[in-house]
Amino acid sequence: MRWFPKRIDCAGGPGRRALFVLFACLSCALPISAQPGDKRITAIERLSRQINEQISESERVEEGNGIYCNELVINKGDKSWPAVGIFRTVIKFYYTFGNREKNPYPDQLLKITVTTHRSDRREYAEYVFNSAAQLIYHYQKDGESAESEQRCFFAAGRLLRLTKGKRIVGIRSREAVETATRALDARKSMLEIFVKSLRN
């Protein structure tokens, strides 16, 4: 049985034109999972879940599981901040052992979380890394609404996908380029802080 005729003539009768329009609409409505790069995104999501589970376990069990955490608190005393009011930021670096032949101490960064409390809102961001210390996932939320959420997926320093709320942003758009640049710049700055924290 044939689902479609051998040849679709757009200039044909109304039935054929309707069939062509229906076919075009179905082609555009393919699920997002059919887009290129999805396997890499699925792998990133899987790795991120594994890291979160390891971190949760390390925080739950006293002896831990080889996951370490360094914490930086800005304005720890919650003193009033000029022109802002309430302001406090907590940055956490989660890391574990890397190549123990080269370095017997833990130095492989897994994840960074940044939690900021302001007078008018709470902000949260996280950065997830692969074993080569490359940023593979960045999540940010600057408010309570779902539209304030954004997710960036990276491979070898290049943006694979950006979502803002439920909207997928074209990766070649100015918005995507600017968002990816900010995430990668933040990664660089925080990596420097992390490396210095291990040396002191």
N, C-alpha and C. Protein backbone atom coordinates (compact mmCIF):
# COMPACT_ATOMS: atom_id res chain seq x y z
N MET A 1 0.84 -1.20 0.00
CA MET A 1 0.00 0.00 0.00
C MET A 1 0.87 1.24 0.00
N ARG A 2 0.55 2.23 -0.83
CA ARG A 2 1.30 3.48 -0.88
C ARG A 2 0.63 4.52 -0.01
N TRP A 3 1.45 5.21 0.77
CA TRP A 3 0.92 6.29 1.60
C TRP A 3 0.76 7.56 0.78
N PHE A 4 1.65 7.77 -0.19
CA PHE A 4 1.61 8.97 -1.01
C PHE A 4 1.72 8.57 -2.48
N PRO A 5 1.17 9.38 -3.35
CA PRO A 5 1.32 9.08 -4.78
C PRO A 5 2.78 9.20 -5.20
N LYS A 6 3.11 8.57 -6.34
CA LYS A 6 4.48 8.63 -6.83
C LYS A 6 4.91 10.06 -7.07
N ARG A 7 4.02 10.88 -7.55
CA ARG A 7 4.38 12.25 -7.92
C ARG A 7 3.33 13.20 -7.39
N ILE A 8 3.77 14.25 -6.69
CA ILE A 8 2.84 15.25 -6.17
C ILE A 8 2.93 16.47 -7.04
N ASP A 9 1.84 16.81 -7.67
CA ASP A 9 1.80 17.96 -8.57
C ASP A 9 1.09 19.11 -7.86
N CYS A 10 1.88 20.11 -7.46
CA CYS A 10 1.32 21.24 -6.72
C CYS A 10 0.35 22.04 -7.57
N ALA A 11 0.49 21.94 -8.84
CA ALA A 11 -0.39 22.71 -9.71
C ALA A 11 -1.65 21.93 -10.04
N GLY A 12 -1.79 20.72 -9.46
CA GLY A 12 -2.96 19.88 -9.74
C GLY A 12 -4.19 20.39 -9.02
N GLY A 13 -5.17 19.51 -8.90
CA GLY A 13 -6.44 19.88 -8.28
C GLY A 13 -6.29 20.15 -6.80
N PRO A 14 -7.40 20.59 -6.17
CA PRO A 14 -7.36 20.94 -4.75
C PRO A 14 -6.95 19.77 -3.86
N GLY A 15 -7.33 18.55 -4.25
CA GLY A 15 -6.97 17.39 -3.44
C GLY A 15 -5.47 17.21 -3.37
N ARG A 16 -4.81 17.34 -4.51
CA ARG A 16 -3.36 17.17 -4.55
C ARG A 16 -2.66 18.31 -3.81
N ARG A 17 -3.16 19.52 -3.99
CA ARG A 17 -2.55 20.66 -3.26
C ARG A 17 -2.69 20.46 -1.75
N ALA A 18 -3.85 19.98 -1.31
CA ALA A 18 -4.06 19.73 0.12
C ALA A 18 -3.10 18.67 0.63
N LEU A 19 -2.90 17.61 -0.18
CA LEU A 19 -1.98 16.55 0.19
C LEU A 19 -0.55 17.07 0.32
N PHE A 20 -0.16 17.93 -0.61
CA PHE A 20 1.18 18.52 -0.57
C PHE A 20 1.34 19.38 0.69
N VAL A 21 0.34 20.21 1.02
CA VAL A 21 0.39 21.06 2.22
C VAL A 21 0.49 20.20 3.47
N LEU A 22 -0.33 19.12 3.51
CA LEU A 22 -0.30 18.22 4.66
C LEU A 22 1.08 17.59 4.82
N PHE A 23 1.67 17.13 3.72
CA PHE A 23 2.99 16.53 3.77
C PHE A 23 4.05 17.53 4.26
N ALA A 24 3.96 18.78 3.77
CA ALA A 24 4.91 19.82 4.19
C ALA A 24 4.77 20.10 5.67
N CYS A 25 3.53 20.16 6.17
CA CYS A 25 3.31 20.43 7.60
C CYS A 25 3.85 19.30 8.46
N LEU A 26 3.63 18.05 8.02
CA LEU A 26 4.13 16.92 8.79
C LEU A 26 5.65 16.91 8.83
N SER A 27 6.27 17.31 7.72
CA SER A 27 7.74 17.37 7.68
C SER A 27 8.28 18.38 8.66
N CYS A 28 7.59 19.52 8.79
CA CYS A 28 8.04 20.57 9.71
C CYS A 28 7.74 20.21 11.15
N ALA A 29 6.78 19.30 11.36
CA ALA A 29 6.37 18.98 12.72
C ALA A 29 7.09 17.77 13.28
N LEU A 30 8.17 17.35 12.65
CA LEU A 30 8.93 16.23 13.19
C LEU A 30 9.41 16.56 14.59
N PRO A 31 9.49 15.60 15.48
CA PRO A 31 9.92 15.89 16.85
C PRO A 31 11.33 16.44 16.90
N ILE A 32 11.61 17.20 17.94
CA ILE A 32 12.92 17.83 18.10
C ILE A 32 14.02 16.78 18.15
N SER A 33 13.68 15.57 18.65
CA SER A 33 14.70 14.53 18.79
C SER A 33 15.26 14.08 17.45
N ALA A 34 14.61 14.48 16.35
CA ALA A 34 15.12 14.11 15.04
C ALA A 34 16.18 15.08 14.53
N GLN A 35 16.45 16.13 15.26
CA GLN A 35 17.43 17.12 14.82
C GLN A 35 18.84 16.61 15.04
N PRO A 36 19.80 17.05 14.21
CA PRO A 36 21.18 16.61 14.36
C PRO A 36 21.74 17.05 15.71
N GLY A 37 22.65 16.24 16.27
CA GLY A 37 23.29 16.61 17.52
C GLY A 37 22.55 16.13 18.74
N ASP A 38 21.39 15.52 18.56
CA ASP A 38 20.60 15.09 19.71
C ASP A 38 21.28 14.00 20.52
N LYS A 39 22.03 13.11 19.86
CA LYS A 39 22.71 12.05 20.60
C LYS A 39 23.73 12.66 21.56
N ARG A 40 24.39 13.70 21.12
CA ARG A 40 25.36 14.37 22.00
C ARG A 40 24.65 15.05 23.16
N ILE A 41 23.51 15.65 22.88
CA ILE A 41 22.75 16.31 23.94
C ILE A 41 22.23 15.29 24.94
N THR A 42 21.75 14.16 24.45
CA THR A 42 21.30 13.08 25.34
C THR A 42 22.45 12.60 26.21
N ALA A 43 23.64 12.46 25.64
CA ALA A 43 24.81 12.02 26.40
C ALA A 43 25.18 13.06 27.47
N ILE A 44 25.07 14.34 27.13
CA ILE A 44 25.37 15.42 28.09
C ILE A 44 24.37 15.38 29.24
N GLU A 45 23.10 15.20 28.92
CA GLU A 45 22.07 15.12 29.97
C GLU A 45 22.30 13.92 30.88
N ARG A 46 22.71 12.79 30.29
CA ARG A 46 22.98 11.60 31.08
C ARG A 46 24.16 11.82 32.03
N LEU A 47 25.25 12.41 31.50
CA LEU A 47 26.42 12.68 32.33
C LEU A 47 26.08 13.66 33.44
N SER A 48 25.30 14.68 33.13
CA SER A 48 24.90 15.67 34.13
C SER A 48 24.11 15.02 35.26
N ARG A 49 23.19 14.11 34.91
CA ARG A 49 22.42 13.39 35.93
C ARG A 49 23.33 12.53 36.81
N GLN A 50 24.30 11.86 36.18
CA GLN A 50 25.23 11.02 36.95
C GLN A 50 26.04 11.85 37.94
N ILE A 51 26.52 13.01 37.48
CA ILE A 51 27.29 13.89 38.36
C ILE A 51 26.42 14.39 39.51
N ASN A 52 25.17 14.77 39.22
CA ASN A 52 24.27 15.23 40.27
C ASN A 52 24.02 14.13 41.30
N GLU A 53 23.87 12.89 40.84
CA GLU A 53 23.66 11.77 41.76
C GLU A 53 24.89 11.56 42.64
N GLN A 54 26.08 11.65 42.05
CA GLN A 54 27.31 11.48 42.82
C GLN A 54 27.45 12.59 43.87
N ILE A 55 27.11 13.81 43.48
CA ILE A 55 27.20 14.94 44.42
C ILE A 55 26.20 14.76 45.55
N SER A 56 24.98 14.36 45.23
CA SER A 56 23.95 14.13 46.25
C SER A 56 24.40 13.05 47.23
N GLU A 57 25.00 12.00 46.69
CA GLU A 57 25.48 10.91 47.55
C GLU A 57 26.60 11.39 48.46
N SER A 58 27.51 12.20 47.91
CA SER A 58 28.64 12.69 48.71
C SER A 58 28.17 13.61 49.83
N GLU A 59 27.08 14.33 49.61
CA GLU A 59 26.56 15.23 50.64
C GLU A 59 25.73 14.48 51.67
N ARG A 60 25.24 13.30 51.29
CA ARG A 60 24.40 12.51 52.19
C ARG A 60 25.22 11.59 53.09
N VAL A 61 26.34 11.06 52.57
CA VAL A 61 27.16 10.10 53.31
C VAL A 61 28.38 10.82 53.87
N GLU A 62 28.65 10.62 55.13
CA GLU A 62 29.76 11.33 55.79
C GLU A 62 31.11 11.00 55.16
N GLU A 63 31.36 9.72 54.93
CA GLU A 63 32.66 9.31 54.39
C GLU A 63 32.82 9.76 52.95
N GLY A 64 31.72 10.00 52.28
CA GLY A 64 31.78 10.50 50.91
C GLY A 64 32.15 9.43 49.90
N ASN A 65 32.27 9.86 48.65
CA ASN A 65 32.55 8.93 47.56
C ASN A 65 33.62 9.49 46.63
N GLY A 66 34.53 10.29 47.18
CA GLY A 66 35.59 10.86 46.36
C GLY A 66 35.21 12.14 45.66
N ILE A 67 34.06 12.72 46.03
CA ILE A 67 33.65 14.03 45.50
C ILE A 67 33.94 15.08 46.57
N TYR A 68 34.68 16.10 46.18
CA TYR A 68 35.06 17.16 47.12
C TYR A 68 34.37 18.45 46.73
N CYS A 69 34.30 19.37 47.68
CA CYS A 69 33.62 20.65 47.41
C CYS A 69 34.38 21.79 48.06
N ASN A 70 34.70 22.81 47.26
CA ASN A 70 35.22 24.08 47.78
C ASN A 70 34.11 25.11 47.65
N GLU A 71 33.98 25.95 48.66
CA GLU A 71 32.89 26.92 48.68
C GLU A 71 33.42 28.34 48.87
N LEU A 72 32.93 29.24 48.04
CA LEU A 72 33.27 30.66 48.16
C LEU A 72 31.98 31.42 48.44
N VAL A 73 31.98 32.18 49.55
CA VAL A 73 30.80 32.96 49.92
C VAL A 73 31.14 34.44 49.81
N ILE A 74 30.33 35.16 49.07
CA ILE A 74 30.50 36.61 48.92
C ILE A 74 29.44 37.30 49.78
N ASN A 75 29.90 38.19 50.67
CA ASN A 75 29.03 38.87 51.63
C ASN A 75 28.36 37.87 52.57
N LYS A 76 29.20 37.10 53.25
CA LYS A 76 28.72 36.03 54.12
C LYS A 76 27.82 36.53 55.23
N GLY A 77 28.09 37.69 55.75
CA GLY A 77 27.30 38.20 56.87
C GLY A 77 25.95 38.78 56.47
N ASP A 78 25.61 38.73 55.20
CA ASP A 78 24.34 39.28 54.69
C ASP A 78 24.16 40.76 55.02
N LYS A 79 25.26 41.50 55.00
CA LYS A 79 25.15 42.93 55.24
C LYS A 79 24.52 43.61 54.03
N SER A 80 23.85 44.72 54.28
CA SER A 80 23.17 45.44 53.20
C SER A 80 24.18 45.90 52.16
N TRP A 81 23.89 45.64 50.91
CA TRP A 81 24.79 45.97 49.80
C TRP A 81 24.34 47.28 49.17
N PRO A 82 25.27 48.21 48.91
CA PRO A 82 24.88 49.51 48.34
C PRO A 82 24.06 49.38 47.07
N ALA A 83 22.96 50.08 47.01
CA ALA A 83 22.06 50.16 45.85
C ALA A 83 21.37 48.83 45.51
N VAL A 84 21.59 47.80 46.35
CA VAL A 84 20.98 46.50 46.08
C VAL A 84 20.13 46.03 47.26
N GLY A 85 20.65 46.24 48.46
CA GLY A 85 19.97 45.72 49.65
C GLY A 85 20.53 44.35 49.98
N ILE A 86 19.67 43.34 50.01
CA ILE A 86 20.11 41.99 50.30
C ILE A 86 20.93 41.48 49.11
N PHE A 87 22.11 40.97 49.42
CA PHE A 87 22.96 40.41 48.36
C PHE A 87 23.90 39.40 48.98
N ARG A 88 23.86 38.19 48.46
CA ARG A 88 24.76 37.13 48.92
C ARG A 88 24.92 36.12 47.80
N THR A 89 26.17 35.77 47.50
CA THR A 89 26.45 34.78 46.46
C THR A 89 27.28 33.64 47.05
N VAL A 90 26.87 32.42 46.74
CA VAL A 90 27.61 31.23 47.16
C VAL A 90 28.01 30.45 45.91
N ILE A 91 29.32 30.26 45.74
CA ILE A 91 29.83 29.50 44.60
C ILE A 91 30.42 28.19 45.14
N LYS A 92 29.98 27.07 44.58
CA LYS A 92 30.48 25.77 45.00
C LYS A 92 31.17 25.08 43.83
N PHE A 93 32.36 24.56 44.09
CA PHE A 93 33.13 23.82 43.10
C PHE A 93 33.17 22.35 43.52
N TYR A 94 32.59 21.49 42.73
CA TYR A 94 32.60 20.05 43.01
C TYR A 94 33.65 19.39 42.12
N TYR A 95 34.51 18.58 42.73
CA TYR A 95 35.60 17.98 41.96
C TYR A 95 35.99 16.62 42.53
N THR A 96 36.75 15.88 41.77
CA THR A 96 37.16 14.54 42.18
C THR A 96 38.57 14.25 41.66
N PHE A 97 38.98 13.00 41.75
CA PHE A 97 40.31 12.62 41.28
C PHE A 97 40.32 12.52 39.76
N GLY A 98 41.39 13.00 39.17
CA GLY A 98 41.57 12.89 37.73
C GLY A 98 42.59 11.81 37.44
N ASN A 99 43.68 12.19 36.78
CA ASN A 99 44.76 11.26 36.47
C ASN A 99 45.68 11.17 37.70
N ARG A 100 45.54 10.11 38.47
CA ARG A 100 46.28 10.01 39.74
C ARG A 100 47.75 9.69 39.54
N GLU A 101 48.14 9.30 38.32
CA GLU A 101 49.57 9.11 38.05
C GLU A 101 50.27 10.46 37.93
N LYS A 102 49.56 11.44 37.37
CA LYS A 102 50.14 12.78 37.23
C LYS A 102 49.95 13.61 38.49
N ASN A 103 48.82 13.42 39.17
CA ASN A 103 48.53 14.19 40.37
C ASN A 103 47.75 13.31 41.35
N PRO A 104 48.34 13.01 42.51
CA PRO A 104 47.66 12.12 43.46
C PRO A 104 46.50 12.81 44.20
N TYR A 105 46.36 14.12 44.00
CA TYR A 105 45.32 14.88 44.69
C TYR A 105 44.12 15.13 43.76
N PRO A 106 42.94 15.29 44.32
CA PRO A 106 41.77 15.55 43.46
C PRO A 106 41.87 16.92 42.79
N ASP A 107 41.63 16.93 41.48
CA ASP A 107 41.74 18.20 40.74
C ASP A 107 40.82 18.26 39.51
N GLN A 108 40.02 17.21 39.31
CA GLN A 108 39.15 17.18 38.14
C GLN A 108 37.80 17.82 38.48
N LEU A 109 37.54 18.96 37.88
CA LEU A 109 36.31 19.70 38.15
C LEU A 109 35.13 19.02 37.47
N LEU A 110 34.07 18.83 38.24
CA LEU A 110 32.85 18.21 37.73
C LEU A 110 31.75 19.23 37.47
N LYS A 111 31.58 20.12 38.45
CA LYS A 111 30.43 21.03 38.39
C LYS A 111 30.67 22.25 39.26
N ILE A 112 30.13 23.38 38.82
CA ILE A 112 30.13 24.61 39.60
C ILE A 112 28.68 25.06 39.74
N THR A 113 28.28 25.45 40.95
CA THR A 113 26.97 26.05 41.13
C THR A 113 27.15 27.45 41.71
N VAL A 114 26.31 28.36 41.26
CA VAL A 114 26.35 29.76 41.73
C VAL A 114 24.94 30.14 42.15
N THR A 115 24.76 30.42 43.44
CA THR A 115 23.46 30.80 43.97
C THR A 115 23.55 32.22 44.51
N THR A 116 22.71 33.10 44.02
CA THR A 116 22.72 34.50 44.43
C THR A 116 21.35 34.90 44.97
N HIS A 117 21.34 35.48 46.16
CA HIS A 117 20.11 36.02 46.74
C HIS A 117 20.18 37.54 46.66
N ARG A 118 19.19 38.12 46.06
CA ARG A 118 19.06 39.58 46.01
C ARG A 118 17.76 39.98 46.68
N SER A 119 17.59 41.27 46.88
CA SER A 119 16.37 41.75 47.53
C SER A 119 15.12 41.35 46.76
N ASP A 120 15.19 41.39 45.43
CA ASP A 120 13.99 41.17 44.62
C ASP A 120 13.91 39.81 43.96
N ARG A 121 14.98 39.00 44.02
CA ARG A 121 14.92 37.69 43.36
C ARG A 121 16.07 36.79 43.79
N ARG A 122 15.93 35.52 43.40
CA ARG A 122 16.97 34.53 43.63
C ARG A 122 17.47 34.06 42.27
N GLU A 123 18.78 34.00 42.10
CA GLU A 123 19.37 33.57 40.84
C GLU A 123 20.17 32.29 41.08
N TYR A 124 20.16 31.43 40.08
CA TYR A 124 20.90 30.18 40.20
C TYR A 124 21.52 29.83 38.85
N ALA A 125 22.75 29.33 38.89
CA ALA A 125 23.41 28.89 37.66
C ALA A 125 24.26 27.67 37.97
N GLU A 126 24.42 26.83 36.98
CA GLU A 126 25.33 25.70 37.13
C GLU A 126 26.09 25.46 35.84
N TYR A 127 27.29 24.93 36.02
CA TYR A 127 28.20 24.64 34.91
C TYR A 127 28.69 23.21 35.10
N VAL A 128 28.52 22.37 34.09
CA VAL A 128 28.94 20.97 34.17
C VAL A 128 30.07 20.75 33.18
N PHE A 129 31.08 19.98 33.62
CA PHE A 129 32.30 19.78 32.83
C PHE A 129 32.53 18.31 32.51
N ASN A 130 33.20 18.06 31.39
CA ASN A 130 33.62 16.69 31.09
C ASN A 130 35.01 16.46 31.68
N SER A 131 35.57 15.28 31.43
CA SER A 131 36.87 14.93 32.03
C SER A 131 38.02 15.77 31.50
N ALA A 132 37.81 16.47 30.36
CA ALA A 132 38.84 17.34 29.80
C ALA A 132 38.67 18.79 30.27
N ALA A 133 37.84 19.01 31.29
CA ALA A 133 37.56 20.34 31.85
C ALA A 133 36.88 21.26 30.85
N GLN A 134 36.21 20.68 29.86
CA GLN A 134 35.45 21.48 28.90
C GLN A 134 34.01 21.64 29.40
N LEU A 135 33.48 22.84 29.24
CA LEU A 135 32.09 23.09 29.62
C LEU A 135 31.18 22.36 28.63
N ILE A 136 30.29 21.54 29.16
CA ILE A 136 29.36 20.82 28.28
C ILE A 136 27.90 21.23 28.52
N TYR A 137 27.63 21.80 29.70
CA TYR A 137 26.25 22.17 30.01
C TYR A 137 26.23 23.38 30.94
N HIS A 138 25.38 24.33 30.61
CA HIS A 138 25.19 25.51 31.46
C HIS A 138 23.70 25.75 31.63
N TYR A 139 23.29 25.89 32.90
CA TYR A 139 21.89 26.16 33.22
C TYR A 139 21.84 27.46 34.02
N GLN A 140 20.85 28.27 33.73
CA GLN A 140 20.71 29.53 34.46
C GLN A 140 19.24 29.87 34.65
N LYS A 141 18.92 30.36 35.85
CA LYS A 141 17.56 30.80 36.14
C LYS A 141 17.64 32.11 36.90
N ASP A 142 17.02 33.15 36.35
CA ASP A 142 17.07 34.49 36.95
C ASP A 142 15.69 34.94 37.39
N GLY A 143 15.00 34.12 38.14
CA GLY A 143 13.66 34.48 38.59
C GLY A 143 12.85 33.23 38.84
N GLU A 144 11.54 33.41 39.02
CA GLU A 144 10.67 32.29 39.36
C GLU A 144 9.96 31.69 38.15
N SER A 145 9.81 32.45 37.08
CA SER A 145 9.04 31.96 35.94
C SER A 145 9.86 30.97 35.11
N ALA A 146 9.15 30.10 34.41
CA ALA A 146 9.81 29.12 33.54
C ALA A 146 10.55 29.83 32.41
N GLU A 147 10.07 31.00 32.00
CA GLU A 147 10.72 31.74 30.91
C GLU A 147 12.08 32.29 31.31
N SER A 148 12.36 32.33 32.62
CA SER A 148 13.65 32.85 33.07
C SER A 148 14.74 31.78 33.04
N GLU A 149 14.38 30.57 32.61
CA GLU A 149 15.36 29.47 32.53
C GLU A 149 16.03 29.43 31.16
N GLN A 150 17.31 29.15 31.18
CA GLN A 150 18.01 28.92 29.91
C GLN A 150 18.98 27.76 30.07
N ARG A 151 19.14 27.00 29.00
CA ARG A 151 20.04 25.85 28.98
C ARG A 151 20.92 25.91 27.74
N CYS A 152 22.22 25.75 27.96
CA CYS A 152 23.19 25.71 26.86
C CYS A 152 23.88 24.36 26.87
N PHE A 153 23.99 23.75 25.70
CA PHE A 153 24.73 22.50 25.54
C PHE A 153 25.92 22.77 24.64
N PHE A 154 27.10 22.31 25.07
CA PHE A 154 28.33 22.58 24.34
C PHE A 154 29.07 21.28 23.99
N ALA A 155 29.85 21.34 22.92
CA ALA A 155 30.79 20.27 22.56
C ALA A 155 32.05 20.93 22.05
N ALA A 156 33.18 20.65 22.72
CA ALA A 156 34.48 21.22 22.33
C ALA A 156 34.42 22.74 22.20
N GLY A 157 33.74 23.38 23.12
CA GLY A 157 33.68 24.84 23.15
C GLY A 157 32.70 25.46 22.17
N ARG A 158 31.92 24.63 21.47
CA ARG A 158 30.94 25.15 20.50
C ARG A 158 29.53 24.85 20.97
N LEU A 159 28.65 25.80 20.77
CA LEU A 159 27.26 25.65 21.19
C LEU A 159 26.53 24.63 20.31
N LEU A 160 25.89 23.66 20.97
CA LEU A 160 25.07 22.68 20.25
C LEU A 160 23.60 23.09 20.24
N ARG A 161 23.15 23.58 21.38
CA ARG A 161 21.74 23.97 21.49
C ARG A 161 21.58 24.98 22.62
N LEU A 162 20.66 25.92 22.42
CA LEU A 162 20.28 26.88 23.44
C LEU A 162 18.77 26.89 23.54
N THR A 163 18.25 26.72 24.76
CA THR A 163 16.82 26.87 24.99
C THR A 163 16.60 27.96 26.02
N LYS A 164 15.58 28.76 25.79
CA LYS A 164 15.16 29.78 26.75
C LYS A 164 13.69 29.54 27.02
N GLY A 165 13.38 29.12 28.26
CA GLY A 165 12.04 28.66 28.54
C GLY A 165 11.80 27.41 27.72
N LYS A 166 10.73 27.39 26.94
CA LYS A 166 10.44 26.26 26.07
C LYS A 166 10.88 26.53 24.62
N ARG A 167 11.48 27.68 24.42
CA ARG A 167 11.85 28.09 23.07
C ARG A 167 13.27 27.66 22.73
N ILE A 168 13.44 27.03 21.56
CA ILE A 168 14.78 26.69 21.06
C ILE A 168 15.28 27.85 20.22
N VAL A 169 16.43 28.37 20.60
CA VAL A 169 17.01 29.53 19.91
C VAL A 169 17.97 29.04 18.84
N GLY A 170 17.89 29.61 17.66
CA GLY A 170 18.82 29.25 16.58
C GLY A 170 20.26 29.50 17.01
N ILE A 171 21.13 28.50 16.84
CA ILE A 171 22.48 28.63 17.39
C ILE A 171 23.33 29.66 16.64
N ARG A 172 22.91 30.09 15.47
CA ARG A 172 23.67 31.11 14.74
C ARG A 172 23.10 32.51 14.98
N SER A 173 22.05 32.60 15.79
CA SER A 173 21.46 33.91 16.05
C SER A 173 22.35 34.72 16.97
N ARG A 174 22.17 36.02 16.93
CA ARG A 174 22.97 36.91 17.80
C ARG A 174 22.72 36.58 19.27
N GLU A 175 21.47 36.29 19.60
CA GLU A 175 21.11 35.95 20.99
C GLU A 175 21.89 34.72 21.46
N ALA A 176 21.97 33.70 20.63
CA ALA A 176 22.68 32.48 21.00
C ALA A 176 24.18 32.72 21.13
N VAL A 177 24.75 33.47 20.19
CA VAL A 177 26.19 33.76 20.23
C VAL A 177 26.55 34.53 21.49
N GLU A 178 25.75 35.53 21.84
CA GLU A 178 26.02 36.33 23.03
C GLU A 178 25.86 35.50 24.31
N THR A 179 24.84 34.67 24.35
CA THR A 179 24.61 33.83 25.53
C THR A 179 25.74 32.83 25.72
N ALA A 180 26.16 32.18 24.63
CA ALA A 180 27.25 31.21 24.70
C ALA A 180 28.56 31.87 25.11
N THR A 181 28.81 33.07 24.59
CA THR A 181 30.03 33.80 24.93
C THR A 181 30.07 34.13 26.42
N ARG A 182 28.94 34.57 26.96
CA ARG A 182 28.87 34.88 28.40
C ARG A 182 29.14 33.63 29.24
N ALA A 183 28.55 32.51 28.84
CA ALA A 183 28.74 31.26 29.59
C ALA A 183 30.20 30.82 29.56
N LEU A 184 30.82 30.89 28.40
CA LEU A 184 32.22 30.47 28.26
C LEU A 184 33.16 31.42 29.00
N ASP A 185 32.86 32.72 28.99
CA ASP A 185 33.67 33.69 29.74
C ASP A 185 33.57 33.43 31.24
N ALA A 186 32.34 33.15 31.72
CA ALA A 186 32.15 32.85 33.14
C ALA A 186 32.89 31.58 33.53
N ARG A 187 32.87 30.59 32.64
CA ARG A 187 33.60 29.35 32.88
C ARG A 187 35.09 29.63 33.08
N LYS A 188 35.64 30.47 32.21
CA LYS A 188 37.07 30.78 32.29
C LYS A 188 37.41 31.46 33.62
N SER A 189 36.61 32.43 34.01
CA SER A 189 36.86 33.16 35.26
C SER A 189 36.78 32.23 36.47
N MET A 190 35.77 31.38 36.48
CA MET A 190 35.60 30.50 37.64
C MET A 190 36.62 29.37 37.68
N LEU A 191 37.08 28.95 36.51
CA LEU A 191 38.16 27.95 36.49
C LEU A 191 39.43 28.50 37.13
N GLU A 192 39.70 29.78 36.87
CA GLU A 192 40.88 30.42 37.48
C GLU A 192 40.75 30.43 39.00
N ILE A 193 39.56 30.73 39.50
CA ILE A 193 39.33 30.73 40.96
C ILE A 193 39.51 29.32 41.50
N PHE A 194 38.97 28.33 40.79
CA PHE A 194 39.08 26.95 41.25
C PHE A 194 40.54 26.50 41.33
N VAL A 195 41.31 26.76 40.27
CA VAL A 195 42.71 26.36 40.24
C VAL A 195 43.49 27.02 41.38
N LYS A 196 43.23 28.29 41.62
CA LYS A 196 43.91 29.00 42.73
C LYS A 196 43.52 28.42 44.08
N SER A 197 42.28 27.98 44.22
CA SER A 197 41.84 27.42 45.48
C SER A 197 42.55 26.11 45.79
N LEU A 198 42.98 25.39 44.76
CA LEU A 198 43.70 24.13 44.97
C LEU A 198 45.16 24.37 45.34
N ARG A 199 45.70 25.51 44.90
CA ARG A 199 47.11 25.79 45.14
C ARG A 199 47.36 26.33 46.55
N ASN A 200 46.37 26.93 47.15
CA ASN A 200 46.57 27.58 48.45
C ASN A 200 46.19 26.68 49.60
